[in-house]
C-alpha atoms as a PDB file:
ATOM      1  CA  MET A   1     -64.200 -65.083 -31.574  1.00  0.00           C
ATOM      2  CA  THR A   2     -66.034 -65.016 -34.904  1.00  0.00           C
ATOM      3  CA  SER A   3     -69.230 -63.961 -33.140  1.00  0.00           C
ATOM      4  CA  ASP A   4     -67.323 -60.990 -31.659  1.00  0.00           C
ATOM      5  CA  PHE A   5     -66.229 -59.950 -35.140  1.00  0.00           C
ATOM      6  CA  GLU A   6     -69.778 -60.383 -36.435  1.00  0.00           C
ATOM      7  CA  ALA A   7     -71.068 -58.159 -33.623  1.00  0.00           C
ATOM      8  CA  GLN A   8     -68.402 -55.543 -34.415  1.00  0.00           C
ATOM      9  CA  LEU A   9     -69.448 -55.452 -38.072  1.00  0.00           C
ATOM     10  CA  ARG A  10     -73.128 -55.214 -37.219  1.00  0.00           C
ATOM     11  CA  SER A  11     -72.478 -52.455 -34.667  1.00  0.00           C
ATOM     12  CA  VAL A  12     -71.249 -50.198 -37.489  1.00  0.00           C
ATOM     13  CA  SER A  13     -73.924 -51.343 -39.980  1.00  0.00           C
ATOM     14  CA  LEU A  14     -71.563 -53.393 -42.138  1.00  0.00           C
ATOM     15  CA  ARG A  15     -72.679 -56.675 -43.650  1.00  0.00           C
ATOM     16  CA  VAL A  16     -71.027 -59.761 -42.240  1.00  0.00           C
ATOM     17  CA  THR A  17     -68.951 -61.334 -45.016  1.00  0.00           C
ATOM     18  CA  ARG A  18     -66.205 -63.947 -44.991  1.00  0.00           C
ATOM     19  CA  PRO A  19     -63.542 -61.503 -46.249  1.00  0.00           C
ATOM     20  CA  ARG A  20     -64.430 -58.971 -43.537  1.00  0.00           C
ATOM     21  CA  LEU A  21     -64.342 -61.644 -40.841  1.00  0.00           C
ATOM     22  CA  ALA A  22     -61.033 -62.966 -42.175  1.00  0.00           C
ATOM     23  CA  VAL A  23     -59.434 -59.498 -42.206  1.00  0.00           C
ATOM     24  CA  LEU A  24     -60.617 -58.763 -38.650  1.00  0.00           C
ATOM     25  CA  ALA A  25     -59.238 -62.109 -37.476  1.00  0.00           C
ATOM     26  CA  ALA A  26     -55.922 -61.528 -39.248  1.00  0.00           C
ATOM     27  CA  LEU A  27     -55.500 -58.101 -37.660  1.00  0.00           C
ATOM     28  CA  HIS A  28     -56.577 -59.352 -34.243  1.00  0.00           C
ATOM     29  CA  ASP A  29     -53.871 -62.029 -34.309  1.00  0.00           C
ATOM     30  CA  ASN A  30     -51.224 -59.978 -36.186  1.00  0.00           C
ATOM     31  CA  PRO A  31     -51.194 -56.298 -35.246  1.00  0.00           C
ATOM     32  CA  HIS A  32     -49.209 -53.764 -37.275  1.00  0.00           C
ATOM     33  CA  VAL A  33     -49.148 -55.707 -40.553  1.00  0.00           C
ATOM     34  CA  ASP A  34     -49.081 -54.162 -44.000  1.00  0.00           C
ATOM     35  CA  THR A  35     -51.598 -54.808 -46.764  1.00  0.00           C
ATOM     36  CA  GLU A  36     -49.569 -57.574 -48.415  1.00  0.00           C
ATOM     37  CA  ALA A  37     -49.326 -59.444 -45.115  1.00  0.00           C
ATOM     38  CA  VAL A  38     -53.089 -59.088 -44.579  1.00  0.00           C
ATOM     39  CA  ILE A  39     -53.709 -60.505 -48.062  1.00  0.00           C
ATOM     40  CA  ALA A  40     -51.419 -63.478 -47.365  1.00  0.00           C
ATOM     41  CA  LEU A  41     -53.064 -64.155 -43.994  1.00  0.00           C
ATOM     42  CA  VAL A  42     -56.592 -63.946 -45.419  1.00  0.00           C
ATOM     43  CA  ARG A  43     -55.679 -66.205 -48.345  1.00  0.00           C
ATOM     44  CA  LYS A  44     -54.558 -68.966 -45.977  1.00  0.00           C
ATOM     45  CA  ALA A  45     -58.213 -69.480 -45.052  1.00  0.00           C
ATOM     46  CA  HIS A  46     -59.809 -68.105 -48.233  1.00  0.00           C
ATOM     47  CA  PRO A  47     -57.507 -68.639 -51.242  1.00  0.00           C
ATOM     48  CA  ALA A  48     -59.949 -67.133 -53.734  1.00  0.00           C
ATOM     49  CA  VAL A  49     -60.131 -63.699 -52.064  1.00  0.00           C
ATOM     50  CA  SER A  50     -58.767 -61.052 -54.424  1.00  0.00           C
ATOM     51  CA  HIS A  51     -56.285 -58.306 -53.627  1.00  0.00           C
ATOM     52  CA  GLN A  52     -58.970 -55.746 -54.417  1.00  0.00           C
ATOM     53  CA  ALA A  53     -61.426 -57.371 -51.998  1.00  0.00           C
ATOM     54  CA  VAL A  54     -58.893 -57.090 -49.162  1.00  0.00           C
ATOM     55  CA  TYR A  55     -58.115 -53.466 -50.066  1.00  0.00           C
ATOM     56  CA  ASP A  56     -61.857 -52.711 -50.090  1.00  0.00           C
ATOM     57  CA  VAL A  57     -62.377 -54.462 -46.743  1.00  0.00           C
ATOM     58  CA  LEU A  58     -59.475 -52.591 -45.139  1.00  0.00           C
ATOM     59  CA  ARG A  59     -60.890 -49.288 -46.391  1.00  0.00           C
ATOM     60  CA  ALA A  60     -64.409 -50.104 -45.156  1.00  0.00           C
ATOM     61  CA  LEU A  61     -63.183 -51.275 -41.746  1.00  0.00           C
ATOM     62  CA  THR A  62     -60.956 -48.219 -41.363  1.00  0.00           C
ATOM     63  CA  ASP A  63     -63.743 -45.846 -42.409  1.00  0.00           C
ATOM     64  CA  ALA A  64     -66.079 -47.546 -39.916  1.00  0.00           C
ATOM     65  CA  GLY A  65     -63.532 -47.206 -37.098  1.00  0.00           C
ATOM     66  CA  LEU A  66     -63.031 -50.948 -36.555  1.00  0.00           C
ATOM     67  CA  VAL A  67     -59.458 -50.833 -37.828  1.00  0.00           C
ATOM     68  CA  ARG A  68     -56.767 -48.191 -37.516  1.00  0.00           C
ATOM     69  CA  ARG A  69     -54.316 -47.380 -40.310  1.00  0.00           C
ATOM     70  CA  ILE A  70     -50.947 -46.173 -39.103  1.00  0.00           C
ATOM     71  CA  GLN A  71     -48.065 -44.960 -41.220  1.00  0.00           C
ATOM     72  CA  PRO A  72     -44.960 -43.832 -39.374  1.00  0.00           C
ATOM     73  CA  ALA A  73     -42.762 -41.482 -41.418  1.00  0.00           C
ATOM     74  CA  GLY A  74     -40.925 -43.357 -44.144  1.00  0.00           C
ATOM     75  CA  ALA A  75     -42.703 -46.631 -43.416  1.00  0.00           C
ATOM     76  CA  THR A  76     -45.328 -48.658 -45.240  1.00  0.00           C
ATOM     77  CA  ALA A  77     -48.898 -48.239 -44.005  1.00  0.00           C
ATOM     78  CA  ARG A  78     -49.846 -50.806 -41.394  1.00  0.00           C
ATOM     79  CA  TYR A  79     -53.165 -51.834 -39.885  1.00  0.00           C
ATOM     80  CA  GLU A  80     -54.259 -52.793 -36.397  1.00  0.00           C
ATOM     81  CA  SER A  81     -57.525 -53.733 -34.738  1.00  0.00           C
ATOM     82  CA  ARG A  82     -56.757 -51.931 -31.473  1.00  0.00           C
ATOM     83  CA  VAL A  83     -58.966 -48.869 -31.719  1.00  0.00           C
ATOM     84  CA  GLY A  84     -60.885 -46.652 -29.340  1.00  0.00           C
ATOM     85  CA  ASP A  85     -58.028 -45.790 -27.043  1.00  0.00           C
ATOM     86  CA  ASN A  86     -55.272 -43.239 -27.309  1.00  0.00           C
ATOM     87  CA  HIS A  87     -52.258 -45.513 -27.634  1.00  0.00           C
ATOM     88  CA  HIS A  88     -49.094 -44.743 -29.512  1.00  0.00           C
ATOM     89  CA  HIS A  89     -46.323 -46.740 -31.189  1.00  0.00           C
ATOM     90  CA  VAL A  90     -42.627 -47.418 -30.937  1.00  0.00           C
ATOM     91  CA  VAL A  91     -40.839 -48.197 -34.211  1.00  0.00           C
ATOM     92  CA  CYS A  92     -37.452 -49.839 -34.693  1.00  0.00           C
ATOM     93  CA  ARG A  93     -35.242 -47.763 -36.978  1.00  0.00           C
ATOM     94  CA  SER A  94     -33.388 -50.887 -38.056  1.00  0.00           C
ATOM     95  CA  CYS A  95     -35.984 -53.591 -38.836  1.00  0.00           C
ATOM     96  CA  GLY A  96     -39.237 -51.588 -38.784  1.00  0.00           C
ATOM     97  CA  ALA A  97     -40.874 -53.610 -35.989  1.00  0.00           C
ATOM     98  CA  ILE A  98     -43.759 -51.760 -34.328  1.00  0.00           C
ATOM     99  CA  ALA A  99     -45.143 -52.166 -30.821  1.00  0.00           C
ATOM    100  CA  ASP A 100     -47.967 -50.464 -28.947  1.00  0.00           C
ATOM    101  CA  VAL A 101     -47.221 -47.934 -26.221  1.00  0.00           C
ATOM    102  CA  ASP A 102     -50.044 -47.013 -23.859  1.00  0.00           C
ATOM    103  CA  CYS A 103     -50.743 -43.343 -23.283  1.00  0.00           C
ATOM    104  CA  ALA A 104     -48.646 -41.898 -20.484  1.00  0.00           C
ATOM    105  CA  ILE A 105     -51.622 -40.527 -18.518  1.00  0.00           C
ATOM    106  CA  GLY A 106     -54.520 -42.455 -20.028  1.00  0.00           C
ATOM    107  CA  ASP A 107     -56.849 -39.671 -21.151  1.00  0.00           C
ATOM    108  CA  ALA A 108     -57.262 -38.654 -24.776  1.00  0.00           C
ATOM    109  CA  PRO A 109     -55.338 -36.665 -25.736  1.00  0.00           C
ATOM    110  CA  CYS A 110     -52.439 -37.592 -23.513  1.00  0.00           C
ATOM    111  CA  LEU A 111     -50.440 -34.544 -24.587  1.00  0.00           C
ATOM    112  CA  THR A 112     -51.581 -30.969 -24.261  1.00  0.00           C
ATOM    113  CA  ALA A 113     -50.647 -28.721 -27.160  1.00  0.00           C
ATOM    114  CA  SER A 114     -48.791 -25.545 -26.186  1.00  0.00           C
ATOM    115  CA  ASP A 115     -51.133 -23.681 -28.552  1.00  0.00           C
ATOM    116  CA  ASP A 116     -54.242 -25.444 -29.863  1.00  0.00           C
ATOM    117  CA  HIS A 117     -54.938 -22.629 -32.356  1.00  0.00           C
ATOM    118  CA  GLY A 118     -58.627 -22.920 -31.484  1.00  0.00           C
ATOM    119  CA  TYR A 119     -58.857 -26.594 -32.476  1.00  0.00           C
ATOM    120  CA  ALA A 120     -60.924 -28.998 -30.388  1.00  0.00           C
ATOM    121  CA  ILE A 121     -58.126 -31.556 -29.997  1.00  0.00           C
ATOM    122  CA  ASP A 122     -59.365 -35.114 -29.472  1.00  0.00           C
ATOM    123  CA  GLU A 123     -56.254 -37.166 -30.245  1.00  0.00           C
ATOM    124  CA  ALA A 124     -52.492 -36.935 -30.017  1.00  0.00           C
ATOM    125  CA  GLU A 125     -50.370 -39.176 -32.218  1.00  0.00           C
ATOM    126  CA  VAL A 126     -46.907 -39.940 -30.943  1.00  0.00           C
ATOM    127  CA  VAL A 127     -44.371 -42.221 -32.581  1.00  0.00           C
ATOM    128  CA  PHE A 128     -41.345 -43.194 -30.547  1.00  0.00           C
ATOM    129  CA  TRP A 129     -38.309 -44.249 -32.600  1.00  0.00           C
ATOM    130  CA  GLY A 130     -35.433 -46.418 -31.462  1.00  0.00           C
ATOM    131  CA  THR A 131     -33.836 -49.818 -31.868  1.00  0.00           C
ATOM    132  CA  CYS A 132     -35.708 -52.978 -30.847  1.00  0.00           C
ATOM    133  CA  PRO A 133     -34.100 -55.513 -28.483  1.00  0.00           C
ATOM    134  CA  ASP A 134     -33.376 -57.992 -31.296  1.00  0.00           C
ATOM    135  CA  CYS A 135     -31.591 -55.393 -33.429  1.00  0.00           C
ATOM    136  CA  SER A 136     -29.749 -54.005 -30.385  1.00  0.00           C
ATOM    137  CA  ALA A 137     -28.515 -57.496 -29.507  1.00  0.00           C
ATOM    138  CA  GLY A 138     -27.360 -57.987 -33.092  1.00  0.00           C
ATOM    139  CA  ARG A 139     -25.326 -54.781 -32.979  1.00  0.00           C
ATOM    140  CA  ILE A 140     -23.579 -55.818 -29.801  1.00  0.00           C
ATOM    141  CA  ALA A 141     -22.794 -59.281 -31.216  1.00  0.00           C
ATOM    142  CA  HIS A 142     -21.055 -57.802 -34.265  1.00  0.00           C
END
């Protein structure tokens, strides 16, 4: 898998570094994590990596389009490595868990604006809100 991450970095003209590889691996295995979680995951393999290095890597990867930053209303910013498609998210109002939701019709954008105001729309961002199965089960049990 490391060679895939190396190829991704090279494809956007970024140098291959251990922190960048570690962040890509962390996000690949743990989608929708916040910055603190990324730092903790990266430090498991590379204890000397600084907070600032991880922040810088996340910014560079996001700017290069290898990582997507999402921030549902009222929630902490999260990061994911699933990019290049027009998927959306469902967020639990109780615990904050986030899951991917594929686009309803598959083409970007999957929603057509009633009035595009002359914009060339290339993406629609939808966040579905509700209660996850674990939280719903907990409510019933109480």
